[in-house]
Protein backbone atom coordinates (compact mmCIF):
# COMPACT_ATOMS: atom_id res chain seq x y z
CA MET A 1 93.58 131.17 86.90
CA LYS A 2 92.97 127.57 85.05
CA LYS A 3 95.35 128.61 82.81
CA ILE A 4 98.22 129.82 85.66
CA ALA A 5 97.84 126.43 87.39
CA LEU A 6 98.48 124.13 84.39
CA ALA A 7 101.22 126.36 83.05
CA LEU A 8 102.76 125.90 86.64
CA ALA A 9 102.04 122.43 86.88
CA ALA A 10 103.08 121.63 82.96
CA LEU A 11 106.39 124.06 84.48
CA THR A 12 106.69 121.79 87.46
CA MET A 13 106.83 118.11 86.02
CA SER A 14 109.19 119.60 82.88
CA ALA A 15 111.51 120.70 85.72
CA ALA A 16 111.17 117.69 87.51
CA ALA A 17 111.83 115.35 84.19
CA ALA A 18 114.94 117.37 83.26
CA PRO A 19 118.31 115.67 84.49
CA ALA A 20 120.54 117.28 86.83
CA LEU A 21 123.47 117.04 84.38
CA ALA A 22 125.64 115.89 86.77
CA GLN A 23 125.12 118.74 89.20
CA ASP A 24 125.35 118.51 92.75
CA SER A 25 121.89 119.56 94.15
CA ALA A 26 122.07 122.95 96.22
CA ASP A 27 121.98 122.53 100.12
CA PHE A 28 118.46 123.18 100.58
CA SER A 29 118.68 122.62 104.72
CA GLY A 30 118.18 125.41 107.37
CA PRO A 31 116.02 127.70 108.70
CA SER A 32 114.40 130.57 106.14
CA ALA A 33 112.09 133.87 105.72
CA THR A 34 110.22 134.80 102.69
CA VAL A 35 108.41 137.57 101.60
CA ILE A 36 105.47 137.14 98.88
CA THR A 37 103.30 138.88 96.39
CA GLY A 38 101.10 137.62 94.24
CA TYR A 39 97.45 136.79 92.80
CA ASP A 40 94.43 136.31 95.45
CA VAL A 41 90.84 135.05 94.49
CA VAL A 42 88.26 134.03 96.75
CA ASP A 43 85.23 131.55 95.62
CA LEU A 44 82.36 132.31 97.62
CA ASN A 45 80.62 130.09 95.87
CA THR A 46 77.51 132.28 95.68
CA PRO A 47 75.77 132.01 92.06
CA GLY A 48 75.89 135.36 90.34
CA VAL A 49 78.09 136.67 92.16
CA LYS A 50 81.54 137.91 90.96
CA ASN A 51 84.62 136.37 92.77
CA PRO A 52 86.79 139.01 94.84
CA ASP A 53 90.19 139.01 94.01
CA GLY A 54 93.17 141.32 94.53
CA VAL A 55 97.02 141.29 95.62
CA ILE A 56 98.43 138.55 98.65
CA TYR A 57 101.38 139.89 100.38
CA GLY A 58 102.98 138.57 103.40
CA ILE A 59 105.75 137.00 105.22
CA GLY A 60 106.56 133.20 105.73
CA LEU A 61 109.47 131.32 108.48
CA GLY A 62 110.88 127.59 107.49
CA TYR A 63 112.67 124.58 108.55
CA ASP A 64 113.49 122.31 106.15
CA ILE A 65 116.11 119.57 105.87
CA GLN A 66 117.72 117.58 103.07
CA LYS A 67 118.43 113.96 102.92
CA GLY A 68 120.61 113.49 99.37
CA SER A 69 118.07 115.05 96.82
CA ALA A 70 115.06 114.65 98.89
CA VAL A 71 113.49 117.89 101.05
CA PHE A 72 111.80 117.72 104.07
CA GLY A 73 110.08 121.24 106.09
CA ILE A 74 107.74 123.23 108.05
CA GLU A 75 106.28 126.63 107.41
CA GLY A 76 104.71 129.36 108.64
CA GLU A 77 102.96 132.67 107.25
CA VAL A 78 100.62 134.99 107.65
CA ALA A 79 99.64 137.11 104.90
CA GLY A 80 96.85 139.61 103.89
CA SER A 81 95.04 140.67 100.96
CA THR A 82 93.69 143.39 98.92
CA SER A 83 90.74 141.07 97.72
CA LYS A 84 86.97 142.86 98.28
CA LEU A 85 83.56 142.04 96.88
CA LYS A 86 81.67 145.46 95.76
CA ALA A 87 78.78 146.33 94.77
CA GLY A 88 77.33 149.86 94.12
CA GLY A 89 80.97 151.70 95.73
CA ALA A 90 79.82 149.83 99.59
CA THR A 91 82.86 146.78 99.95
CA LEU A 92 80.07 143.94 101.29
CA ALA A 93 83.32 141.81 102.03
CA SER A 94 86.59 141.52 102.22
CA THR A 95 89.83 139.30 103.12
CA ASP A 96 92.09 139.82 106.43
CA ARG A 97 94.42 138.37 106.85
CA ASP A 98 95.38 134.80 106.37
CA LEU A 99 97.49 132.50 108.86
CA TYR A 100 98.89 128.75 107.05
CA VAL A 101 101.11 126.26 109.02
CA GLY A 102 102.25 123.03 107.34
CA GLY A 103 104.86 120.91 105.54
CA ARG A 104 106.36 120.43 102.76
CA ILE A 105 108.36 117.37 100.56
CA GLY A 106 110.66 118.31 98.05
CA PHE A 107 112.69 117.25 95.40
CA ALA A 108 116.48 119.19 94.00
CA THR A 109 117.86 119.09 91.81
CA GLY A 110 120.66 121.11 90.90
CA LYS A 111 119.86 124.81 92.28
CA ALA A 112 116.59 123.72 91.76
CA LEU A 113 114.10 122.66 94.42
CA ILE A 114 110.34 120.94 93.25
CA TYR A 115 108.19 120.77 95.79
CA ALA A 116 104.82 120.08 97.25
CA LYS A 117 103.04 121.31 100.52
CA ALA A 118 99.48 120.76 102.99
CA GLY A 119 98.76 122.44 106.06
CA TYR A 120 96.44 124.02 107.99
CA SER A 121 95.35 127.70 107.24
CA ASN A 122 93.65 130.40 108.93
CA ALA A 123 91.51 132.89 107.30
CA ARG A 124 89.78 136.28 108.83
CA PHE A 125 86.84 137.51 106.52
CA ARG A 126 84.85 140.75 107.17
CA THR A 127 81.70 141.46 105.73
CA ILE A 128 78.56 144.04 106.19
CA ALA A 129 76.99 141.16 108.61
CA GLY A 130 80.60 141.13 111.18
CA ASN A 131 83.50 139.83 110.72
CA GLY A 132 84.38 136.17 111.01
CA ASN A 133 87.15 133.53 111.06
CA ALA A 134 87.34 130.01 108.86
CA ASP A 135 89.61 126.81 109.61
CA GLY A 136 90.63 125.20 106.35
CA VAL A 137 93.37 122.62 104.34
CA ARG A 138 95.50 124.64 101.71
CA VAL A 139 97.59 122.11 99.44
CA GLY A 140 100.16 123.86 96.77
CA ALA A 141 102.89 123.13 94.63
CA GLY A 142 106.17 125.30 93.58
CA ILE A 143 109.78 125.78 92.67
CA GLU A 144 112.27 127.16 94.40
CA TYR A 145 115.52 128.06 93.13
CA LYS A 146 118.93 129.30 94.78
CA LEU A 147 120.19 132.51 93.48
CA SER A 148 122.82 133.22 95.75
CA ASP A 149 124.78 131.99 98.50
CA GLY A 150 121.66 132.19 101.62
CA ILE A 151 119.53 133.85 98.48
CA PHE A 152 116.73 132.23 96.88
CA GLY A 153 113.52 132.87 94.67
CA LYS A 154 110.11 130.49 94.12
CA VAL A 155 107.00 130.55 92.69
CA GLU A 156 104.31 128.26 93.91
CA TYR A 157 100.18 128.00 93.32
CA ARG A 158 98.20 126.89 96.16
CA TYR A 159 94.31 125.95 97.22
CA SER A 160 92.87 126.46 100.59
CA ASN A 161 89.29 125.21 100.98
CA TYR A 162 87.40 126.80 103.92
CA GLU A 163 84.66 125.87 105.83
CA ALA A 164 81.44 127.39 105.00
CA ASP A 165 82.02 126.14 101.08
CA ILE A 166 84.61 129.14 101.11
CA GLU A 167 87.71 128.14 98.46
CA ARG A 168 90.84 130.07 97.55
CA GLN A 169 93.10 130.08 94.86
CA GLN A 170 96.58 131.95 94.88
CA VAL A 171 99.63 132.34 92.46
CA VAL A 172 102.81 134.00 94.63
CA ALA A 173 105.95 134.89 94.34
CA GLY A 174 108.86 134.97 96.48
CA LEU A 175 112.31 136.07 97.82
CA GLY A 176 113.60 134.32 100.54
CA VAL A 177 117.07 134.07 102.89
CA ARG A 178 118.13 130.65 103.77
CA PHE A 179 120.75 131.26 107.52
């Protein structure tokens, strides 16, 4: 997971350092809708227990405002995950839905938008003892690329830290529409 995060950080930095080569920045303003999928790992911070991992999937909505090459936005997301902690064939814990609302700030260069994000996250976890919600903070960074008029793709790394010492790392890819 650390290698993936380092590779994404290196890609983000190299894209930020590349000149726009006299290109005008694409317009990243307006409302958007995105579908995402990717890798999800939950760190329970329990010695001797393997961290559950799985596939994350979800939908997001957002709104961006662009001033020159600077982009500012708000976004929300509802996601699910297949991450489960099993022992002897029994599921001891699993992730349920994951809600996120936050903001992002980015730099548009050509058809790419390089951004950082931060906000509030609420995750639901199911255990053999019962179900519970955990509030937390999410931070992340990513690259969004305009594929055609109104269509974009993105790759993003995000880290969430929840109460009860639960952490979550995700690498997601998304396909979206800007209205």
